[in-house]
Amino acid sequence: ATSCSWDLAPHRSLTGSASWAGRALWGTPTSFFGVRR
């Protein structure tokens, strides 16, 4: 299981890429991705 509790978006130069990477991880069968809303 993989989880993220960090600030995924506001401190990134390319926030769209960062959030899309997280979304890709969510979909893998052995991973779980959590992030603050």
PDB file of all heavy atoms in Angstrom:
ATOM      1  N   ALA A   1       0.853  -1.192   0.000  1.00  0.00           N
ATOM      2  CA  ALA A   1       0.000   0.000   0.000  1.00  0.00           C
ATOM      3  C   ALA A   1       0.880   1.230   0.000  1.00  0.00           C
ATOM      4  O   ALA A   1       1.864   1.301   0.721  1.00  0.00           O
ATOM      5  CB  ALA A   1      -0.914   0.002   1.216  1.00  0.00           C
ATOM      6  N   THR A   2       0.540   2.189  -0.827  1.00  0.00           N
ATOM      7  CA  THR A   2       1.262   3.450  -0.888  1.00  0.00           C
ATOM      8  C   THR A   2       0.286   4.563  -0.587  1.00  0.00           C
ATOM      9  O   THR A   2      -0.804   4.601  -1.144  1.00  0.00           O
ATOM     10  CB  THR A   2       1.872   3.672  -2.288  1.00  0.00           C
ATOM     11  OG1 THR A   2       2.724   2.583  -2.612  1.00  0.00           O
ATOM     12  CG2 THR A   2       2.657   4.969  -2.315  1.00  0.00           C
ATOM     13  N   SER A   3       0.673   5.468   0.291  1.00  0.00           N
ATOM     14  CA  SER A   3      -0.218   6.568   0.653  1.00  0.00           C
ATOM     15  C   SER A   3       0.567   7.853   0.749  1.00  0.00           C
ATOM     16  O   SER A   3       1.743   7.862   1.085  1.00  0.00           O
ATOM     17  CB  SER A   3      -0.889   6.285   1.998  1.00  0.00           C
ATOM     18  OG  SER A   3      -1.692   7.374   2.371  1.00  0.00           O
ATOM     19  N   CYS A   4      -0.100   8.948   0.441  1.00  0.00           N
ATOM     20  CA  CYS A   4       0.519  10.269   0.516  1.00  0.00           C
ATOM     21  C   CYS A   4      -0.276  11.142   1.464  1.00  0.00           C
ATOM     22  O   CYS A   4      -1.482  11.269   1.341  1.00  0.00           O
ATOM     23  CB  CYS A   4       0.547  10.904  -0.871  1.00  0.00           C
ATOM     24  SG  CYS A   4       1.094  12.621  -0.880  1.00  0.00           S
ATOM     25  N   SER A   5       0.414  11.744   2.450  1.00  0.00           N
ATOM     26  CA  SER A   5      -0.263  12.669   3.360  1.00  0.00           C
ATOM     27  C   SER A   5       0.254  14.085   3.185  1.00  0.00           C
ATOM     28  O   SER A   5      -0.046  14.974   3.962  1.00  0.00           O
ATOM     29  CB  SER A   5      -0.036  12.227   4.815  1.00  0.00           C
ATOM     30  OG  SER A   5       1.340  12.214   5.140  1.00  0.00           O
ATOM     31  N   TRP A   6       1.078  14.317   2.143  1.00  0.00           N
ATOM     32  CA  TRP A   6       1.713  15.614   1.951  1.00  0.00           C
ATOM     33  C   TRP A   6       0.778  16.598   1.251  1.00  0.00           C
ATOM     34  O   TRP A   6      -0.293  16.261   0.764  1.00  0.00           O
ATOM     35  CB  TRP A   6       2.967  15.451   1.089  1.00  0.00           C
ATOM     36  CG  TRP A   6       3.976  14.498   1.617  1.00  0.00           C
ATOM     37  CD1 TRP A   6       4.538  14.488   2.860  1.00  0.00           C
ATOM     38  CD2 TRP A   6       4.546  13.389   0.911  1.00  0.00           C
ATOM     39  NE1 TRP A   6       5.433  13.448   2.959  1.00  0.00           N
ATOM     40  CE2 TRP A   6       5.455  12.758   1.787  1.00  0.00           C
ATOM     41  CE3 TRP A   6       4.390  12.875  -0.374  1.00  0.00           C
ATOM     42  CZ2 TRP A   6       6.205  11.648   1.421  1.00  0.00           C
ATOM     43  CZ3 TRP A   6       5.138  11.769  -0.740  1.00  0.00           C
ATOM     44  CH2 TRP A   6       6.026  11.163   0.154  1.00  0.00           C
ATOM     45  N   ASP A   7       1.279  17.851   1.134  1.00  0.00           N
ATOM     46  CA  ASP A   7       0.638  18.844   0.266  1.00  0.00           C
ATOM     47  C   ASP A   7       0.977  18.452  -1.165  1.00  0.00           C
ATOM     48  O   ASP A   7       2.109  18.619  -1.597  1.00  0.00           O
ATOM     49  CB  ASP A   7       1.193  20.246   0.535  1.00  0.00           C
ATOM     50  CG  ASP A   7       1.048  20.661   1.979  1.00  0.00           C
ATOM     51  OD1 ASP A   7      -0.051  21.040   2.358  1.00  0.00           O
ATOM     52  OD2 ASP A   7       2.053  20.615   2.716  1.00  0.00           O
ATOM     53  N   LEU A   8       0.016  17.928  -1.885  1.00  0.00           N
ATOM     54  CA  LEU A   8       0.307  17.442  -3.227  1.00  0.00           C
ATOM     55  C   LEU A   8       0.376  18.570  -4.244  1.00  0.00           C
ATOM     56  O   LEU A   8       1.133  18.504  -5.193  1.00  0.00           O
ATOM     57  CB  LEU A   8      -0.759  16.434  -3.652  1.00  0.00           C
ATOM     58  CG  LEU A   8      -0.560  15.743  -5.006  1.00  0.00           C
ATOM     59  CD1 LEU A   8       0.731  14.939  -4.992  1.00  0.00           C
ATOM     60  CD2 LEU A   8      -1.738  14.847  -5.321  1.00  0.00           C
ATOM     61  N   ALA A   9      -0.402  19.631  -4.037  1.00  0.00           N
ATOM     62  CA  ALA A   9      -0.527  20.607  -5.109  1.00  0.00           C
ATOM     63  C   ALA A   9       0.172  21.949  -4.913  1.00  0.00           C
ATOM     64  O   ALA A   9       0.914  22.371  -5.778  1.00  0.00           O
ATOM     65  CB  ALA A   9      -2.007  20.848  -5.398  1.00  0.00           C
ATOM     66  N   PRO A  10      -0.029  22.697  -3.811  1.00  0.00           N
ATOM     67  CA  PRO A  10       0.288  24.118  -3.837  1.00  0.00           C
ATOM     68  C   PRO A  10       1.751  24.475  -3.964  1.00  0.00           C
ATOM     69  O   PRO A  10       2.070  25.580  -4.399  1.00  0.00           O
ATOM     70  CB  PRO A  10      -0.257  24.626  -2.497  1.00  0.00           C
ATOM     71  CG  PRO A  10      -0.303  23.437  -1.624  1.00  0.00           C
ATOM     72  CD  PRO A  10      -0.611  22.300  -2.527  1.00  0.00           C
ATOM     73  N   HIS A  11       2.688  23.594  -3.599  1.00  0.00           N
ATOM     74  CA  HIS A  11       4.101  23.943  -3.632  1.00  0.00           C
ATOM     75  C   HIS A  11       4.815  23.367  -4.842  1.00  0.00           C
ATOM     76  O   HIS A  11       6.031  23.359  -4.898  1.00  0.00           O
ATOM     77  CB  HIS A  11       4.794  23.448  -2.355  1.00  0.00           C
ATOM     78  CG  HIS A  11       4.207  24.019  -1.113  1.00  0.00           C
ATOM     79  ND1 HIS A  11       4.143  25.373  -0.878  1.00  0.00           N
ATOM     80  CD2 HIS A  11       3.636  23.433  -0.027  1.00  0.00           C
ATOM     81  CE1 HIS A  11       3.569  25.594   0.303  1.00  0.00           C
ATOM     82  NE2 HIS A  11       3.244  24.433   0.821  1.00  0.00           N
ATOM     83  N   ARG A  12       4.057  22.880  -5.818  1.00  0.00           N
ATOM     84  CA  ARG A  12       4.663  22.289  -6.997  1.00  0.00           C
ATOM     85  C   ARG A  12       4.678  23.281  -8.140  1.00  0.00           C
ATOM     86  O   ARG A  12       3.816  24.137  -8.283  1.00  0.00           O
ATOM     87  CB  ARG A  12       3.862  21.052  -7.440  1.00  0.00           C
ATOM     88  CG  ARG A  12       3.810  19.949  -6.413  1.00  0.00           C
ATOM     89  CD  ARG A  12       5.150  19.290  -6.237  1.00  0.00           C
ATOM     90  NE  ARG A  12       5.641  18.780  -7.514  1.00  0.00           N
ATOM     91  CZ  ARG A  12       6.868  18.282  -7.665  1.00  0.00           C
ATOM     92  NH1 ARG A  12       7.706  18.256  -6.680  1.00  0.00           N
ATOM     93  NH2 ARG A  12       7.246  17.812  -8.850  1.00  0.00           N
ATOM     94  N   SER A  13       5.712  23.155  -8.995  1.00  0.00           N
ATOM     95  CA  SER A  13       5.764  24.019 -10.161  1.00  0.00           C
ATOM     96  C   SER A  13       4.732  23.608 -11.204  1.00  0.00           C
ATOM     97  O   SER A  13       4.152  24.439 -11.876  1.00  0.00           O
ATOM     98  CB  SER A  13       7.171  23.974 -10.774  1.00  0.00           C
ATOM     99  OG  SER A  13       7.543  22.644 -11.074  1.00  0.00           O
ATOM    100  N   LEU A  14       4.498  22.297 -11.335  1.00  0.00           N
ATOM    101  CA  LEU A  14       3.520  21.787 -12.286  1.00  0.00           C
ATOM    102  C   LEU A  14       2.493  20.991 -11.516  1.00  0.00           C
ATOM    103  O   LEU A  14       2.521  19.762 -11.474  1.00  0.00           O
ATOM    104  CB  LEU A  14       4.210  20.914 -13.350  1.00  0.00           C
ATOM    105  CG  LEU A  14       5.281  21.636 -14.181  1.00  0.00           C
ATOM    106  CD1 LEU A  14       5.998  20.637 -15.080  1.00  0.00           C
ATOM    107  CD2 LEU A  14       4.653  22.740 -15.018  1.00  0.00           C
ATOM    108  N   THR A  15       1.580  21.691 -10.865  1.00  0.00           N
ATOM    109  CA  THR A  15       0.658  21.031  -9.957  1.00  0.00           C
ATOM    110  C   THR A  15      -0.259  20.052 -10.674  1.00  0.00           C
ATOM    111  O   THR A  15      -0.667  19.047 -10.106  1.00  0.00           O
ATOM    112  CB  THR A  15      -0.202  22.062  -9.218  1.00  0.00           C
ATOM    113  OG1 THR A  15      -0.836  22.907 -10.188  1.00  0.00           O
ATOM    114  CG2 THR A  15       0.646  22.902  -8.292  1.00  0.00           C
ATOM    115  N   GLY A  16      -0.593  20.329 -11.914  1.00  0.00           N
ATOM    116  CA  GLY A  16      -1.438  19.403 -12.650  1.00  0.00           C
ATOM    117  C   GLY A  16      -0.756  18.060 -12.830  1.00  0.00           C
ATOM    118  O   GLY A  16      -1.356  17.006 -12.654  1.00  0.00           O
ATOM    119  N   SER A  17       0.527  18.077 -13.179  1.00  0.00           N
ATOM    120  CA  SER A  17       1.274  16.835 -13.344  1.00  0.00           C
ATOM    121  C   SER A  17       1.349  16.068 -12.042  1.00  0.00           C
ATOM    122  O   SER A  17       1.232  14.839 -12.014  1.00  0.00           O
ATOM    123  CB  SER A  17       2.687  17.147 -13.852  1.00  0.00           C
ATOM    124  OG  SER A  17       2.644  17.792 -15.100  1.00  0.00           O
ATOM    125  N   ALA A  18       1.557  16.779 -10.933  1.00  0.00           N
ATOM    126  CA  ALA A  18       1.667  16.111  -9.634  1.00  0.00           C
ATOM    127  C   ALA A  18       0.369  15.417  -9.265  1.00  0.00           C
ATOM    128  O   ALA A  18       0.363  14.258  -8.845  1.00  0.00           O
ATOM    129  CB  ALA A  18       2.046  17.130  -8.553  1.00  0.00           C
ATOM    130  N   SER A  19      -0.755  16.109  -9.430  1.00  0.00           N
ATOM    131  CA  SER A  19      -2.027  15.508  -9.049  1.00  0.00           C
ATOM    132  C   SER A  19      -2.389  14.363  -9.985  1.00  0.00           C
ATOM    133  O   SER A  19      -2.990  13.376  -9.574  1.00  0.00           O
ATOM    134  CB  SER A  19      -3.137  16.557  -9.040  1.00  0.00           C
ATOM    135  OG  SER A  19      -3.330  17.115 -10.319  1.00  0.00           O
ATOM    136  N   TRP A  20      -2.024  14.457 -11.274  1.00  0.00           N
ATOM    137  CA  TRP A  20      -2.340  13.383 -12.212  1.00  0.00           C
ATOM    138  C   TRP A  20      -1.506  12.140 -11.909  1.00  0.00           C
ATOM    139  O   TRP A  20      -1.977  11.020 -12.057  1.00  0.00           O
ATOM    140  CB  TRP A  20      -2.093  13.850 -13.645  1.00  0.00           C
ATOM    141  CG  TRP A  20      -3.023  13.196 -14.618  1.00  0.00           C
ATOM    142  CD1 TRP A  20      -2.716  12.357 -15.640  1.00  0.00           C
ATOM    143  CD2 TRP A  20      -4.451  13.332 -14.653  1.00  0.00           C
ATOM    144  NE1 TRP A  20      -3.836  11.969 -16.305  1.00  0.00           N
ATOM    145  CE2 TRP A  20      -4.919  12.548 -15.736  1.00  0.00           C
ATOM    146  CE3 TRP A  20      -5.371  14.045 -13.879  1.00  0.00           C
ATOM    147  CZ2 TRP A  20      -6.268  12.452 -16.055  1.00  0.00           C
ATOM    148  CZ3 TRP A  20      -6.715  13.947 -14.205  1.00  0.00           C
ATOM    149  CH2 TRP A  20      -7.149  13.161 -15.279  1.00  0.00           C
ATOM    150  N   ALA A  21      -0.275  12.339 -11.447  1.00  0.00           N
ATOM    151  CA  ALA A  21       0.541  11.193 -11.030  1.00  0.00           C
ATOM    152  C   ALA A  21      -0.125  10.481  -9.866  1.00  0.00           C
ATOM    153  O   ALA A  21      -0.155   9.250  -9.796  1.00  0.00           O
ATOM    154  CB  ALA A  21       1.943  11.657 -10.647  1.00  0.00           C
ATOM    155  N   GLY A  22      -0.673  11.246  -8.928  1.00  0.00           N
ATOM    156  CA  GLY A  22      -1.385  10.652  -7.812  1.00  0.00           C
ATOM    157  C   GLY A  22      -2.599   9.888  -8.267  1.00  0.00           C
ATOM    158  O   GLY A  22      -2.892   8.801  -7.773  1.00  0.00           O
ATOM    159  N   ARG A  23      -3.299  10.416  -9.231  1.00  0.00           N
ATOM    160  CA  ARG A  23      -4.493   9.735  -9.736  1.00  0.00           C
ATOM    161  C   ARG A  23      -4.118   8.420 -10.402  1.00  0.00           C
ATOM    162  O   ARG A  23      -4.814   7.414 -10.258  1.00  0.00           O
ATOM    163  CB  ARG A  23      -5.218  10.640 -10.726  1.00  0.00           C
ATOM    164  CG  ARG A  23      -6.502  10.027 -11.264  1.00  0.00           C
ATOM    165  CD  ARG A  23      -7.315  11.051 -12.022  1.00  0.00           C
ATOM    166  NE  ARG A  23      -8.547  10.481 -12.528  1.00  0.00           N
ATOM    167  CZ  ARG A  23      -9.484  11.183 -13.155  1.00  0.00           C
ATOM    168  NH1 ARG A  23      -9.315  12.489 -13.311  1.00  0.00           N
ATOM    169  NH2 ARG A  23     -10.571  10.611 -13.600  1.00  0.00           N
ATOM    170  N   ALA A  24      -2.996   8.403 -11.113  1.00  0.00           N
ATOM    171  CA  ALA A  24      -2.551   7.161 -11.741  1.00  0.00           C
ATOM    172  C   ALA A  24      -2.231   6.120 -10.681  1.00  0.00           C
ATOM    173  O   ALA A  24      -2.558   4.941 -10.830  1.00  0.00           O
ATOM    174  CB  ALA A  24      -1.313   7.436 -12.601  1.00  0.00           C
ATOM    175  N   LEU A  25      -1.621   6.546  -9.581  1.00  0.00           N
ATOM    176  CA  LEU A  25      -1.280   5.622  -8.513  1.00  0.00           C
ATOM    177  C   LEU A  25      -2.518   5.046  -7.861  1.00  0.00           C
ATOM    178  O   LEU A  25      -2.562   3.883  -7.491  1.00  0.00           O
ATOM    179  CB  LEU A  25      -0.412   6.338  -7.467  1.00  0.00           C
ATOM    180  CG  LEU A  25       0.068   5.500  -6.272  1.00  0.00           C
ATOM    181  CD1 LEU A  25       0.890   4.317  -6.754  1.00  0.00           C
ATOM    182  CD2 LEU A  25       0.874   6.371  -5.326  1.00  0.00           C
ATOM    183  N   TRP A  26      -3.546   5.845  -7.725  1.00  0.00           N
ATOM    184  CA  TRP A  26      -4.801   5.378  -7.119  1.00  0.00           C
ATOM    185  C   TRP A  26      -5.322   4.145  -7.852  1.00  0.00           C
ATOM    186  O   TRP A  26      -5.860   3.234  -7.259  1.00  0.00           O
ATOM    187  CB  TRP A  26      -5.825   6.503  -7.190  1.00  0.00           C
ATOM    188  CG  TRP A  26      -7.162   6.147  -6.631  1.00  0.00           C
ATOM    189  CD1 TRP A  26      -8.150   5.419  -7.230  1.00  0.00           C
ATOM    190  CD2 TRP A  26      -7.671   6.495  -5.340  1.00  0.00           C
ATOM    191  NE1 TRP A  26      -9.239   5.310  -6.417  1.00  0.00           N
ATOM    192  CE2 TRP A  26      -8.971   5.961  -5.255  1.00  0.00           C
ATOM    193  CE3 TRP A  26      -7.163   7.228  -4.266  1.00  0.00           C
ATOM    194  CZ2 TRP A  26      -9.773   6.133  -4.122  1.00  0.00           C
ATOM    195  CZ3 TRP A  26      -7.958   7.389  -3.147  1.00  0.00           C
ATOM    196  CH2 TRP A  26      -9.240   6.844  -3.076  1.00  0.00           C
ATOM    197  N   GLY A  27      -5.150   4.121  -9.155  1.00  0.00           N
ATOM    198  CA  GLY A  27      -5.762   3.065  -9.943  1.00  0.00           C
ATOM    199  C   GLY A  27      -5.014   1.747  -9.957  1.00  0.00           C
ATOM    200  O   GLY A  27      -5.504   0.771 -10.496  1.00  0.00           O
ATOM    201  N   THR A  28      -3.816   1.679  -9.376  1.00  0.00           N
ATOM    202  CA  THR A  28      -3.077   0.429  -9.423  1.00  0.00           C
ATOM    203  C   THR A  28      -3.646  -0.563  -8.418  1.00  0.00           C
ATOM    204  O   THR A  28      -4.093  -0.167  -7.346  1.00  0.00           O
ATOM    205  CB  THR A  28      -1.579   0.660  -9.134  1.00  0.00           C
ATOM    206  OG1 THR A  28      -1.445   1.238  -7.836  1.00  0.00           O
ATOM    207  CG2 THR A  28      -0.977   1.596 -10.155  1.00  0.00           C
ATOM    208  N   PRO A  29      -3.619  -1.845  -8.709  1.00  0.00           N
ATOM    209  CA  PRO A  29      -4.324  -2.822  -7.862  1.00  0.00           C
ATOM    210  C   PRO A  29      -3.726  -3.009  -6.483  1.00  0.00           C
ATOM    211  O   PRO A  29      -4.422  -3.444  -5.577  1.00  0.00           O
ATOM    212  CB  PRO A  29      -4.224  -4.116  -8.683  1.00  0.00           C
ATOM    213  CG  PRO A  29      -3.059  -3.912  -9.587  1.00  0.00           C
ATOM    214  CD  PRO A  29      -3.064  -2.457  -9.914  1.00  0.00           C
ATOM    215  N   THR A  30      -2.433  -2.717  -6.281  1.00  0.00           N
ATOM    216  CA  THR A  30      -1.836  -2.947  -4.976  1.00  0.00           C
ATOM    217  C   THR A  30      -1.504  -1.635  -4.274  1.00  0.00           C
ATOM    218  O   THR A  30      -0.721  -1.599  -3.354  1.00  0.00           O
ATOM    219  CB  THR A  30      -0.549  -3.780  -5.098  1.00  0.00           C
ATOM    220  OG1 THR A  30       0.393  -3.091  -5.936  1.00  0.00           O
ATOM    221  CG2 THR A  30      -0.845  -5.136  -5.676  1.00  0.00           C
ATOM    222  N   SER A  31      -2.094  -0.544  -4.715  1.00  0.00           N
ATOM    223  CA  SER A  31      -1.769   0.751  -4.127  1.00  0.00           C
ATOM    224  C   SER A  31      -3.018   1.484  -3.693  1.00  0.00           C
ATOM    225  O   SER A  31      -4.103   1.276  -4.235  1.00  0.00           O
ATOM    226  CB  SER A  31      -0.998   1.622  -5.128  1.00  0.00           C
ATOM    227  OG  SER A  31       0.216   1.027  -5.478  1.00  0.00           O
ATOM    228  N   PHE A  32      -2.846   2.347  -2.720  1.00  0.00           N
ATOM    229  CA  PHE A  32      -3.942   3.197  -2.267  1.00  0.00           C
ATOM    230  C   PHE A  32      -3.356   4.571  -2.038  1.00  0.00           C
ATOM    231  O   PHE A  32      -2.317   4.714  -1.417  1.00  0.00           O
ATOM    232  CB  PHE A  32      -4.548   2.656  -0.972  1.00  0.00           C
ATOM    233  CG  PHE A  32      -5.936   3.179  -0.706  1.00  0.00           C
ATOM    234  CD1 PHE A  32      -7.042   2.425  -1.026  1.00  0.00           C
ATOM    235  CD2 PHE A  32      -6.114   4.422  -0.147  1.00  0.00           C
ATOM    236  CE1 PHE A  32      -8.324   2.903  -0.782  1.00  0.00           C
ATOM    237  CE2 PHE A  32      -7.395   4.914   0.096  1.00  0.00           C
ATOM    238  CZ  PHE A  32      -8.498   4.146  -0.218  1.00  0.00           C
ATOM    239  N   PHE A  33      -3.994   5.581  -2.567  1.00  0.00           N
ATOM    240  CA  PHE A  33      -3.424   6.922  -2.519  1.00  0.00           C
ATOM    241  C   PHE A  33      -4.360   7.855  -1.791  1.00  0.00           C
ATOM    242  O   PHE A  33      -5.499   8.032  -2.190  1.00  0.00           O
ATOM    243  CB  PHE A  33      -3.191   7.431  -3.945  1.00  0.00           C
ATOM    244  CG  PHE A  33      -2.330   8.638  -4.044  1.00  0.00           C
ATOM    245  CD1 PHE A  33      -0.954   8.518  -4.182  1.00  0.00           C
ATOM    246  CD2 PHE A  33      -2.879   9.896  -3.984  1.00  0.00           C
ATOM    247  CE1 PHE A  33      -0.167   9.640  -4.283  1.00  0.00           C
ATOM    248  CE2 PHE A  33      -2.096  11.013  -4.075  1.00  0.00           C
ATOM    249  CZ  PHE A  33      -0.729  10.889  -4.236  1.00  0.00           C
ATOM    250  N   GLY A  34      -3.914   8.440  -0.696  1.00  0.00           N
ATOM    251  CA  GLY A  34      -4.727   9.390   0.050  1.00  0.00           C
ATOM    252  C   GLY A  34      -4.038  10.732   0.108  1.00  0.00           C
ATOM    253  O   GLY A  34      -2.831  10.795   0.207  1.00  0.00           O
ATOM    254  N   VAL A  35      -4.786  11.782   0.035  1.00  0.00           N
ATOM    255  CA  VAL A  35      -4.189  13.119   0.068  1.00  0.00           C
ATOM    256  C   VAL A  35      -5.170  14.062   0.732  1.00  0.00           C
ATOM    257  O   VAL A  35      -6.379  13.857   0.691  1.00  0.00           O
ATOM    258  CB  VAL A  35      -3.858  13.613  -1.360  1.00  0.00           C
ATOM    259  CG1 VAL A  35      -5.108  13.819  -2.168  1.00  0.00           C
ATOM    260  CG2 VAL A  35      -3.035  14.896  -1.347  1.00  0.00           C
ATOM    261  N   ARG A  36      -4.665  15.077   1.369  1.00  0.00           N
ATOM    262  CA  ARG A  36      -5.566  16.038   1.971  1.00  0.00           C
ATOM    263  C   ARG A  36      -6.427  16.675   0.892  1.00  0.00           C
ATOM    264  O   ARG A  36      -5.993  16.897  -0.229  1.00  0.00           O
ATOM    265  CB  ARG A  36      -4.777  17.118   2.705  1.00  0.00           C
ATOM    266  CG  ARG A  36      -4.222  18.193   1.779  1.00  0.00           C
ATOM    267  CD  ARG A  36      -3.626  19.318   2.593  1.00  0.00           C
ATOM    268  NE  ARG A  36      -3.621  20.534   1.786  1.00  0.00           N
ATOM    269  CZ  ARG A  36      -3.078  21.663   2.175  1.00  0.00           C
ATOM    270  NH1 ARG A  36      -2.492  21.734   3.336  1.00  0.00           N
ATOM    271  NH2 ARG A  36      -3.113  22.738   1.427  1.00  0.00           N
ATOM    272  N   ARG A  37      -7.644  16.980   1.224  1.00  0.00           N
ATOM    273  CA  ARG A  37      -8.567  17.562   0.240  1.00  0.00           C
ATOM    274  C   ARG A  37      -8.428  19.066   0.142  1.00  0.00           C
ATOM    275  O   ARG A  37      -8.956  19.681  -0.753  1.00  0.00           O
ATOM    276  CB  ARG A  37     -10.007  17.196   0.617  1.00  0.00           C
ATOM    277  CG  ARG A  37     -10.317  15.727   0.445  1.00  0.00           C
ATOM    278  CD  ARG A  37     -11.725  15.414   0.875  1.00  0.00           C
ATOM    279  NE  ARG A  37     -11.903  15.570   2.303  1.00  0.00           N
ATOM    280  CZ  ARG A  37     -13.050  15.386   2.917  1.00  0.00           C
ATOM    281  NH1 ARG A  37     -14.110  15.038   2.230  1.00  0.00           N
ATOM    282  NH2 ARG A  37     -13.141  15.527   4.220  1.00  0.00           N
TER     283      ARG A  37
END
